[in-house]
């Protein structure tokens, strides 16, 4: 049962992370209605360059 609970929690974490990335503009979520609603994350870039001054 612990494995099932970990899997459910991982799915919840993934969902929350995708929602946050969409909220801050890193990804878009394309929704399609085909029977059950589906959502596909869309990325419009090849890489992210992160610079942190020290």
N, C-alpha and C. Protein backbone atom coordinates (compact mmCIF):
# COMPACT_ATOMS: atom_id res chain seq x y z
N UNK A 1 0.81 -1.19 0.00
CA UNK A 1 0.00 0.00 0.00
C UNK A 1 0.86 1.26 0.00
N UNK A 2 2.06 1.19 0.59
CA UNK A 2 2.95 2.35 0.63
C UNK A 2 3.35 2.77 -0.78
N UNK A 3 3.54 1.80 -1.66
CA UNK A 3 3.91 2.10 -3.04
C UNK A 3 2.80 2.86 -3.75
N UNK A 4 1.56 2.46 -3.54
CA UNK A 4 0.42 3.14 -4.15
C UNK A 4 0.32 4.57 -3.63
N UNK A 5 0.49 4.76 -2.34
CA UNK A 5 0.43 6.11 -1.78
C UNK A 5 1.55 6.99 -2.34
N UNK A 6 2.74 6.43 -2.52
CA UNK A 6 3.86 7.20 -3.09
C UNK A 6 3.55 7.57 -4.54
N UNK A 7 2.95 6.67 -5.29
CA UNK A 7 2.61 6.94 -6.69
C UNK A 7 1.57 8.05 -6.78
N UNK A 8 0.56 7.99 -5.93
CA UNK A 8 -0.47 9.03 -5.93
C UNK A 8 0.15 10.38 -5.57
N UNK A 9 1.04 10.39 -4.59
CA UNK A 9 1.69 11.64 -4.19
C UNK A 9 2.57 12.17 -5.31
N UNK A 10 3.31 11.29 -6.01
CA UNK A 10 4.13 11.72 -7.13
C UNK A 10 3.28 12.36 -8.22
N UNK A 11 2.10 11.80 -8.51
CA UNK A 11 1.21 12.37 -9.51
C UNK A 11 0.73 13.74 -9.08
N UNK A 12 0.42 13.89 -7.81
CA UNK A 12 -0.03 15.18 -7.28
C UNK A 12 1.09 16.21 -7.38
N UNK A 13 2.32 15.81 -7.02
CA UNK A 13 3.46 16.72 -7.13
C UNK A 13 3.67 17.15 -8.58
N UNK A 14 3.60 16.21 -9.51
CA UNK A 14 3.78 16.51 -10.93
C UNK A 14 2.71 17.49 -11.40
N UNK A 15 1.46 17.24 -11.05
CA UNK A 15 0.36 18.13 -11.43
C UNK A 15 0.60 19.54 -10.88
N UNK A 16 0.96 19.63 -9.60
CA UNK A 16 1.21 20.94 -8.99
C UNK A 16 2.37 21.66 -9.67
N UNK A 17 3.43 20.94 -10.00
CA UNK A 17 4.59 21.54 -10.67
C UNK A 17 4.22 22.06 -12.05
N UNK A 18 3.46 21.29 -12.81
CA UNK A 18 3.05 21.72 -14.15
C UNK A 18 2.16 22.95 -14.05
N UNK A 19 1.25 22.97 -13.10
CA UNK A 19 0.39 24.14 -12.92
C UNK A 19 1.21 25.39 -12.57
N UNK A 20 2.20 25.23 -11.71
CA UNK A 20 3.05 26.36 -11.34
C UNK A 20 3.85 26.86 -12.53
N UNK A 21 4.44 25.95 -13.31
CA UNK A 21 5.22 26.36 -14.48
C UNK A 21 4.35 27.10 -15.49
N UNK A 22 3.11 26.70 -15.63
CA UNK A 22 2.19 27.41 -16.52
C UNK A 22 1.85 28.78 -15.94
N UNK A 23 1.65 28.85 -14.65
CA UNK A 23 1.31 30.12 -14.00
C UNK A 23 2.41 31.17 -14.16
N UNK A 24 3.68 30.75 -14.08
CA UNK A 24 4.77 31.71 -14.20
C UNK A 24 5.22 31.91 -15.64
N UNK A 25 4.62 31.20 -16.60
CA UNK A 25 4.87 31.44 -18.01
C UNK A 25 5.95 30.59 -18.65
N UNK A 26 6.46 29.57 -17.96
CA UNK A 26 7.48 28.72 -18.55
C UNK A 26 6.90 27.74 -19.57
N UNK A 27 5.65 27.34 -19.37
CA UNK A 27 4.99 26.41 -20.29
C UNK A 27 3.56 26.89 -20.54
N UNK A 28 2.95 26.34 -21.58
CA UNK A 28 1.53 26.54 -21.84
C UNK A 28 0.87 25.18 -21.71
N UNK A 29 -0.39 25.18 -21.35
CA UNK A 29 -1.13 23.93 -21.26
C UNK A 29 -2.21 23.95 -22.33
N UNK A 30 -2.12 23.01 -23.27
CA UNK A 30 -3.10 22.90 -24.35
C UNK A 30 -4.13 21.87 -23.92
N UNK A 31 -5.39 22.29 -23.87
CA UNK A 31 -6.46 21.40 -23.46
C UNK A 31 -7.24 20.93 -24.67
N UNK A 32 -7.54 19.65 -24.70
CA UNK A 32 -8.32 19.06 -25.79
C UNK A 32 -9.44 18.24 -25.19
N UNK A 33 -10.60 18.30 -25.80
CA UNK A 33 -11.74 17.53 -25.31
C UNK A 33 -11.98 16.37 -26.27
N UNK A 34 -11.52 15.20 -25.87
CA UNK A 34 -11.75 13.99 -26.65
C UNK A 34 -12.22 12.91 -25.68
N UNK A 35 -13.51 12.81 -25.47
CA UNK A 35 -14.00 11.92 -24.44
C UNK A 35 -13.66 12.52 -23.09
N UNK A 36 -12.61 12.04 -22.48
CA UNK A 36 -12.13 12.60 -21.22
C UNK A 36 -11.19 13.76 -21.55
N UNK A 37 -11.30 14.86 -20.83
CA UNK A 37 -10.47 16.03 -21.12
C UNK A 37 -8.99 15.72 -20.93
N UNK A 38 -8.18 16.13 -21.89
CA UNK A 38 -6.73 15.91 -21.82
C UNK A 38 -6.03 17.26 -21.83
N UNK A 39 -4.92 17.34 -21.12
CA UNK A 39 -4.11 18.56 -21.09
C UNK A 39 -2.68 18.17 -21.42
N UNK A 40 -2.08 18.90 -22.37
CA UNK A 40 -0.71 18.64 -22.79
C UNK A 40 0.15 19.86 -22.54
N UNK A 41 1.25 19.71 -21.78
CA UNK A 41 2.15 20.86 -21.59
C UNK A 41 2.91 21.16 -22.87
N UNK A 42 3.01 22.43 -23.24
CA UNK A 42 3.69 22.87 -24.46
C UNK A 42 4.85 23.78 -24.06
N UNK A 43 6.02 23.53 -24.63
CA UNK A 43 7.21 24.34 -24.38
C UNK A 43 7.64 24.97 -25.70
N UNK A 44 7.83 26.28 -25.72
CA UNK A 44 8.16 27.00 -26.95
C UNK A 44 9.62 27.42 -27.01
N UNK A 45 10.52 26.66 -26.44
CA UNK A 45 11.94 26.98 -26.46
C UNK A 45 12.75 25.69 -26.37
N UNK A 46 14.04 25.77 -26.73
CA UNK A 46 14.92 24.60 -26.72
C UNK A 46 15.73 24.48 -25.44
N UNK A 47 16.02 25.61 -24.80
CA UNK A 47 16.81 25.57 -23.57
C UNK A 47 16.53 26.81 -22.75
N UNK A 48 16.91 26.73 -21.48
CA UNK A 48 16.81 27.86 -20.56
C UNK A 48 18.21 28.18 -20.08
N UNK A 49 18.61 29.43 -20.23
CA UNK A 49 19.90 29.87 -19.74
C UNK A 49 19.67 30.61 -18.43
N UNK A 50 20.25 30.08 -17.36
CA UNK A 50 20.07 30.66 -16.04
C UNK A 50 21.39 31.24 -15.57
N UNK A 51 21.39 32.52 -15.29
CA UNK A 51 22.60 33.17 -14.78
C UNK A 51 22.33 33.66 -13.37
N UNK A 52 23.20 33.30 -12.45
CA UNK A 52 23.05 33.72 -11.06
C UNK A 52 24.32 34.49 -10.67
N UNK A 53 24.19 35.80 -10.45
CA UNK A 53 25.37 36.57 -10.03
C UNK A 53 25.78 36.18 -8.62
N UNK A 54 27.09 36.14 -8.41
CA UNK A 54 27.60 35.81 -7.07
C UNK A 54 28.41 36.95 -6.51
